[in-house]
């Protein structure tokens, strides 16, 4: 992604399920760095949907969550049932 992208330099931590997950994807498409934290959100997701929702996102292990939250400009989270 270009350094001149609209949201370049913005760090987004994605802890969401749909539809928040799509919102994080859109922010990434606009140039933000989006990190999805693996193992934080429960629930089975169809692999094809996950591939679409998470395209362009980095994935970090759950043990990095505190560090990512401290550095994040935006955190996207959805309520868990």
C-alpha atoms as a PDB file:
ATOM      1  CA  UNK A   1       0.000   0.000   0.000  1.00  0.00           C
ATOM      2  CA  UNK A   2       1.280   3.468  -0.825  1.00  0.00           C
ATOM      3  CA  UNK A   3       2.470   5.816   1.918  1.00  0.00           C
ATOM      4  CA  UNK A   4       0.087   8.337   0.332  1.00  0.00           C
ATOM      5  CA  UNK A   5      -3.046   6.247   0.921  1.00  0.00           C
ATOM      6  CA  UNK A   6      -5.873   8.018   2.723  1.00  0.00           C
ATOM      7  CA  UNK A   7      -5.443   6.145   6.044  1.00  0.00           C
ATOM      8  CA  UNK A   8      -1.721   5.372   5.816  1.00  0.00           C
ATOM      9  CA  UNK A   9      -0.144   5.218   9.269  1.00  0.00           C
ATOM     10  CA  UNK A  10      -3.372   4.262  11.057  1.00  0.00           C
ATOM     11  CA  UNK A  11      -3.235   1.024  13.096  1.00  0.00           C
ATOM     12  CA  UNK A  12      -6.536  -0.844  13.385  1.00  0.00           C
ATOM     13  CA  UNK A  13      -6.933  -3.861  15.666  1.00  0.00           C
ATOM     14  CA  UNK A  14      -9.753  -6.129  14.475  1.00  0.00           C
ATOM     15  CA  UNK A  15     -11.474  -8.107  17.243  1.00  0.00           C
ATOM     16  CA  UNK A  16     -14.816  -8.155  15.472  1.00  0.00           C
ATOM     17  CA  UNK A  17     -17.251 -10.562  13.976  1.00  0.00           C
ATOM     18  CA  UNK A  18     -19.366  -9.627  10.958  1.00  0.00           C
ATOM     19  CA  UNK A  19     -20.243  -6.794  10.198  1.00  0.00           C
ATOM     20  CA  UNK A  20     -17.354  -5.149  12.077  1.00  0.00           C
ATOM     21  CA  UNK A  21     -14.910  -7.448  10.356  1.00  0.00           C
ATOM     22  CA  UNK A  22     -15.951  -6.008   7.006  1.00  0.00           C
ATOM     23  CA  UNK A  23     -15.535  -2.479   8.353  1.00  0.00           C
ATOM     24  CA  UNK A  24     -11.961  -3.303   9.317  1.00  0.00           C
ATOM     25  CA  UNK A  25     -11.368  -4.667   5.813  1.00  0.00           C
ATOM     26  CA  UNK A  26     -12.609  -1.405   4.292  1.00  0.00           C
ATOM     27  CA  UNK A  27     -10.245   0.618   6.512  1.00  0.00           C
ATOM     28  CA  UNK A  28      -7.422  -1.608   5.264  1.00  0.00           C
ATOM     29  CA  UNK A  29      -8.490  -1.036   1.673  1.00  0.00           C
ATOM     30  CA  UNK A  30      -8.168   2.700   2.379  1.00  0.00           C
ATOM     31  CA  UNK A  31      -4.567   2.256   3.549  1.00  0.00           C
ATOM     32  CA  UNK A  32      -4.750   1.501   7.284  1.00  0.00           C
ATOM     33  CA  UNK A  33      -2.669  -1.293   8.737  1.00  0.00           C
ATOM     34  CA  UNK A  34      -5.214  -3.791  10.040  1.00  0.00           C
ATOM     35  CA  UNK A  35      -4.232  -6.576  12.435  1.00  0.00           C
ATOM     36  CA  UNK A  36      -6.602  -9.414  13.247  1.00  0.00           C
ATOM     37  CA  UNK A  37      -5.740 -11.076  16.545  1.00  0.00           C
ATOM     38  CA  UNK A  38      -5.881 -14.848  16.204  1.00  0.00           C
ATOM     39  CA  UNK A  39      -7.870 -16.770  18.781  1.00  0.00           C
ATOM     40  CA  UNK A  40      -9.587 -13.810  20.466  1.00  0.00           C
ATOM     41  CA  UNK A  41     -12.981 -14.001  18.746  1.00  0.00           C
ATOM     42  CA  UNK A  42     -14.871 -17.257  19.165  1.00  0.00           C
ATOM     43  CA  UNK A  43     -17.159 -18.785  16.609  1.00  0.00           C
ATOM     44  CA  UNK A  44     -16.750 -20.855  13.509  1.00  0.00           C
ATOM     45  CA  UNK A  45     -16.494 -18.928  10.278  1.00  0.00           C
ATOM     46  CA  UNK A  46     -16.762 -20.353   6.790  1.00  0.00           C
ATOM     47  CA  UNK A  47     -13.200 -20.348   5.356  1.00  0.00           C
ATOM     48  CA  UNK A  48     -14.308 -18.589   2.167  1.00  0.00           C
ATOM     49  CA  UNK A  49     -15.968 -15.780   4.113  1.00  0.00           C
ATOM     50  CA  UNK A  50     -12.914 -15.487   6.369  1.00  0.00           C
ATOM     51  CA  UNK A  51     -10.680 -15.170   3.285  1.00  0.00           C
ATOM     52  CA  UNK A  52     -12.824 -12.299   1.984  1.00  0.00           C
ATOM     53  CA  UNK A  53     -13.247 -10.508   5.322  1.00  0.00           C
ATOM     54  CA  UNK A  54      -9.575 -10.816   6.269  1.00  0.00           C
ATOM     55  CA  UNK A  55      -7.910 -10.087   2.927  1.00  0.00           C
ATOM     56  CA  UNK A  56      -5.013  -7.691   3.392  1.00  0.00           C
ATOM     57  CA  UNK A  57      -4.982  -8.001   7.183  1.00  0.00           C
ATOM     58  CA  UNK A  58      -1.988  -9.055   9.222  1.00  0.00           C
ATOM     59  CA  UNK A  59      -2.591 -11.767  11.817  1.00  0.00           C
ATOM     60  CA  UNK A  60      -1.062 -11.648  15.283  1.00  0.00           C
ATOM     61  CA  UNK A  61      -1.166 -14.217  18.081  1.00  0.00           C
ATOM     62  CA  UNK A  62      -3.373 -13.566  21.105  1.00  0.00           C
ATOM     63  CA  UNK A  63      -0.354 -13.086  23.371  1.00  0.00           C
ATOM     64  CA  UNK A  64       0.377  -9.799  21.542  1.00  0.00           C
ATOM     65  CA  UNK A  65      -3.078  -8.360  22.242  1.00  0.00           C
ATOM     66  CA  UNK A  66      -2.048  -5.993  25.059  1.00  0.00           C
ATOM     67  CA  UNK A  67       0.817  -4.566  22.996  1.00  0.00           C
ATOM     68  CA  UNK A  68      -1.415  -4.074  19.959  1.00  0.00           C
ATOM     69  CA  UNK A  69      -4.168  -2.403  21.987  1.00  0.00           C
ATOM     70  CA  UNK A  70      -1.640   0.027  23.473  1.00  0.00           C
ATOM     71  CA  UNK A  71      -0.433   1.010  19.994  1.00  0.00           C
ATOM     72  CA  UNK A  72      -3.814   0.993  18.209  1.00  0.00           C
ATOM     73  CA  UNK A  73      -5.454   4.078  16.787  1.00  0.00           C
ATOM     74  CA  UNK A  74      -8.729   2.193  16.266  1.00  0.00           C
ATOM     75  CA  UNK A  75     -10.114  -1.000  17.823  1.00  0.00           C
ATOM     76  CA  UNK A  76     -13.109  -2.654  16.190  1.00  0.00           C
ATOM     77  CA  UNK A  77     -15.025  -5.083  18.379  1.00  0.00           C
ATOM     78  CA  UNK A  78     -18.505  -6.535  18.163  1.00  0.00           C
ATOM     79  CA  UNK A  79     -20.592  -7.878  21.050  1.00  0.00           C
ATOM     80  CA  UNK A  80     -20.231 -11.569  21.699  1.00  0.00           C
ATOM     81  CA  UNK A  81     -23.377 -13.624  22.135  1.00  0.00           C
END
